[in-house]
């Protein structure tokens, strides 16, 4: 039996304060399809970036994965890219 494809979404969020809630709501709605979530943004004692990058390792049926991709991409200030790895 062939392994399912491995799908990773990169979600770039500009102006996190303004857009993060809509993104978080979708992450919660599609939480059963998210295997791993990694958030990246520059931060220090004096600075917290207004932009962020979230990497999502997806799992399970692909239909909700691509629904999430479309819904995230429809949010102003959010850019989504996908990586799909085939298993031979």
C-alpha atoms as a PDB file:
ATOM      1  CA  UNK A   1       0.000   0.000   0.000  1.00  0.00           C
ATOM      2  CA  UNK A   2       1.315   3.424  -0.978  1.00  0.00           C
ATOM      3  CA  UNK A   3       1.953   5.900   1.844  1.00  0.00           C
ATOM      4  CA  UNK A   4      -0.097   9.109   1.781  1.00  0.00           C
ATOM      5  CA  UNK A   5       1.583  12.257   0.525  1.00  0.00           C
ATOM      6  CA  UNK A   6       3.377  14.363   3.109  1.00  0.00           C
ATOM      7  CA  UNK A   7       1.992  17.933   3.070  1.00  0.00           C
ATOM      8  CA  UNK A   8       3.549  20.937   4.828  1.00  0.00           C
ATOM      9  CA  UNK A   9       1.958  24.391   4.761  1.00  0.00           C
ATOM     10  CA  UNK A  10       3.924  27.585   5.314  1.00  0.00           C
ATOM     11  CA  UNK A  11       1.705  30.394   6.598  1.00  0.00           C
ATOM     12  CA  UNK A  12       3.212  33.908   6.545  1.00  0.00           C
ATOM     13  CA  UNK A  13       1.213  36.411   8.582  1.00  0.00           C
ATOM     14  CA  UNK A  14       1.783  40.148   8.315  1.00  0.00           C
ATOM     15  CA  UNK A  15       0.560  42.417  11.100  1.00  0.00           C
ATOM     16  CA  UNK A  16       0.044  39.519  13.521  1.00  0.00           C
ATOM     17  CA  UNK A  17      -1.912  41.643  15.987  1.00  0.00           C
ATOM     18  CA  UNK A  18      -4.541  42.384  13.337  1.00  0.00           C
ATOM     19  CA  UNK A  19      -4.747  39.009  11.563  1.00  0.00           C
ATOM     20  CA  UNK A  20      -3.709  36.367  14.094  1.00  0.00           C
ATOM     21  CA  UNK A  21      -7.180  35.735  15.544  1.00  0.00           C
ATOM     22  CA  UNK A  22      -8.702  34.742  12.187  1.00  0.00           C
ATOM     23  CA  UNK A  23      -5.723  32.465  11.535  1.00  0.00           C
ATOM     24  CA  UNK A  24      -5.941  30.927  15.007  1.00  0.00           C
ATOM     25  CA  UNK A  25      -9.668  30.307  14.563  1.00  0.00           C
ATOM     26  CA  UNK A  26      -8.931  28.288  11.410  1.00  0.00           C
ATOM     27  CA  UNK A  27      -6.109  26.387  13.130  1.00  0.00           C
ATOM     28  CA  UNK A  28      -8.623  25.406  15.815  1.00  0.00           C
ATOM     29  CA  UNK A  29     -11.320  24.475  13.279  1.00  0.00           C
ATOM     30  CA  UNK A  30      -8.879  22.236  11.369  1.00  0.00           C
ATOM     31  CA  UNK A  31      -6.900  21.092  14.414  1.00  0.00           C
ATOM     32  CA  UNK A  32      -7.520  17.395  13.774  1.00  0.00           C
ATOM     33  CA  UNK A  33      -5.687  17.740  10.442  1.00  0.00           C
ATOM     34  CA  UNK A  34      -2.631  19.471  11.947  1.00  0.00           C
ATOM     35  CA  UNK A  35      -0.004  17.005  13.147  1.00  0.00           C
ATOM     36  CA  UNK A  36       2.754  19.523  13.984  1.00  0.00           C
ATOM     37  CA  UNK A  37       2.693  23.320  14.316  1.00  0.00           C
ATOM     38  CA  UNK A  38       5.828  25.460  14.574  1.00  0.00           C
ATOM     39  CA  UNK A  39       5.640  29.244  14.969  1.00  0.00           C
ATOM     40  CA  UNK A  40       8.597  31.422  14.004  1.00  0.00           C
ATOM     41  CA  UNK A  41       9.019  35.157  14.471  1.00  0.00           C
ATOM     42  CA  UNK A  42      11.923  37.369  15.533  1.00  0.00           C
ATOM     43  CA  UNK A  43      11.771  38.381  19.184  1.00  0.00           C
ATOM     44  CA  UNK A  44      14.200  39.861  21.700  1.00  0.00           C
ATOM     45  CA  UNK A  45      14.063  41.822  24.955  1.00  0.00           C
ATOM     46  CA  UNK A  46      13.280  45.011  23.013  1.00  0.00           C
ATOM     47  CA  UNK A  47      11.490  43.765  19.915  1.00  0.00           C
ATOM     48  CA  UNK A  48       8.672  41.469  18.854  1.00  0.00           C
ATOM     49  CA  UNK A  49       8.152  41.227  15.089  1.00  0.00           C
ATOM     50  CA  UNK A  50       4.733  42.187  13.749  1.00  0.00           C
ATOM     51  CA  UNK A  51       5.115  39.398  11.172  1.00  0.00           C
ATOM     52  CA  UNK A  52       5.241  35.673  11.731  1.00  0.00           C
ATOM     53  CA  UNK A  53       5.677  32.373   9.971  1.00  0.00           C
ATOM     54  CA  UNK A  54       3.873  29.188  10.980  1.00  0.00           C
ATOM     55  CA  UNK A  55       4.799  25.777   9.596  1.00  0.00           C
ATOM     56  CA  UNK A  56       2.054  23.143   9.641  1.00  0.00           C
ATOM     57  CA  UNK A  57       2.686  19.455   9.099  1.00  0.00           C
ATOM     58  CA  UNK A  58      -0.641  18.075   7.938  1.00  0.00           C
ATOM     59  CA  UNK A  59      -2.133  14.628   8.515  1.00  0.00           C
ATOM     60  CA  UNK A  60      -5.066  12.523   7.408  1.00  0.00           C
ATOM     61  CA  UNK A  61      -7.512  13.138   4.593  1.00  0.00           C
ATOM     62  CA  UNK A  62      -6.312  15.771   2.118  1.00  0.00           C
ATOM     63  CA  UNK A  63      -9.729  17.412   1.549  1.00  0.00           C
ATOM     64  CA  UNK A  64      -9.676  19.423   4.812  1.00  0.00           C
ATOM     65  CA  UNK A  65      -6.009  20.278   4.229  1.00  0.00           C
ATOM     66  CA  UNK A  66      -6.810  22.013   0.958  1.00  0.00           C
ATOM     67  CA  UNK A  67      -9.916  23.653   2.468  1.00  0.00           C
ATOM     68  CA  UNK A  68      -7.668  25.134   5.177  1.00  0.00           C
ATOM     69  CA  UNK A  69      -5.180  26.268   2.523  1.00  0.00           C
ATOM     70  CA  UNK A  70      -7.921  28.112   0.633  1.00  0.00           C
ATOM     71  CA  UNK A  71      -9.461  29.690   3.737  1.00  0.00           C
ATOM     72  CA  UNK A  72      -6.094  30.886   5.062  1.00  0.00           C
ATOM     73  CA  UNK A  73      -5.215  32.343   1.660  1.00  0.00           C
ATOM     74  CA  UNK A  74      -8.451  34.345   1.660  1.00  0.00           C
ATOM     75  CA  UNK A  75      -7.433  36.268   4.806  1.00  0.00           C
ATOM     76  CA  UNK A  76      -5.922  39.689   4.146  1.00  0.00           C
ATOM     77  CA  UNK A  77      -2.268  39.794   5.198  1.00  0.00           C
ATOM     78  CA  UNK A  78      -1.799  36.008   4.994  1.00  0.00           C
ATOM     79  CA  UNK A  79       0.262  34.221   2.352  1.00  0.00           C
ATOM     80  CA  UNK A  80       0.175  30.417   2.255  1.00  0.00           C
ATOM     81  CA  UNK A  81       2.502  28.094   0.386  1.00  0.00           C
ATOM     82  CA  UNK A  82       2.485  24.317   0.310  1.00  0.00           C
ATOM     83  CA  UNK A  83       5.105  21.628  -0.023  1.00  0.00           C
ATOM     84  CA  UNK A  84       3.920  18.184  -1.123  1.00  0.00           C
ATOM     85  CA  UNK A  85       6.237  15.189  -0.848  1.00  0.00           C
ATOM     86  CA  UNK A  86       5.318  12.033  -2.720  1.00  0.00           C
ATOM     87  CA  UNK A  87       6.312   8.627  -1.342  1.00  0.00           C
ATOM     88  CA  UNK A  88       7.323   5.985  -3.877  1.00  0.00           C
END
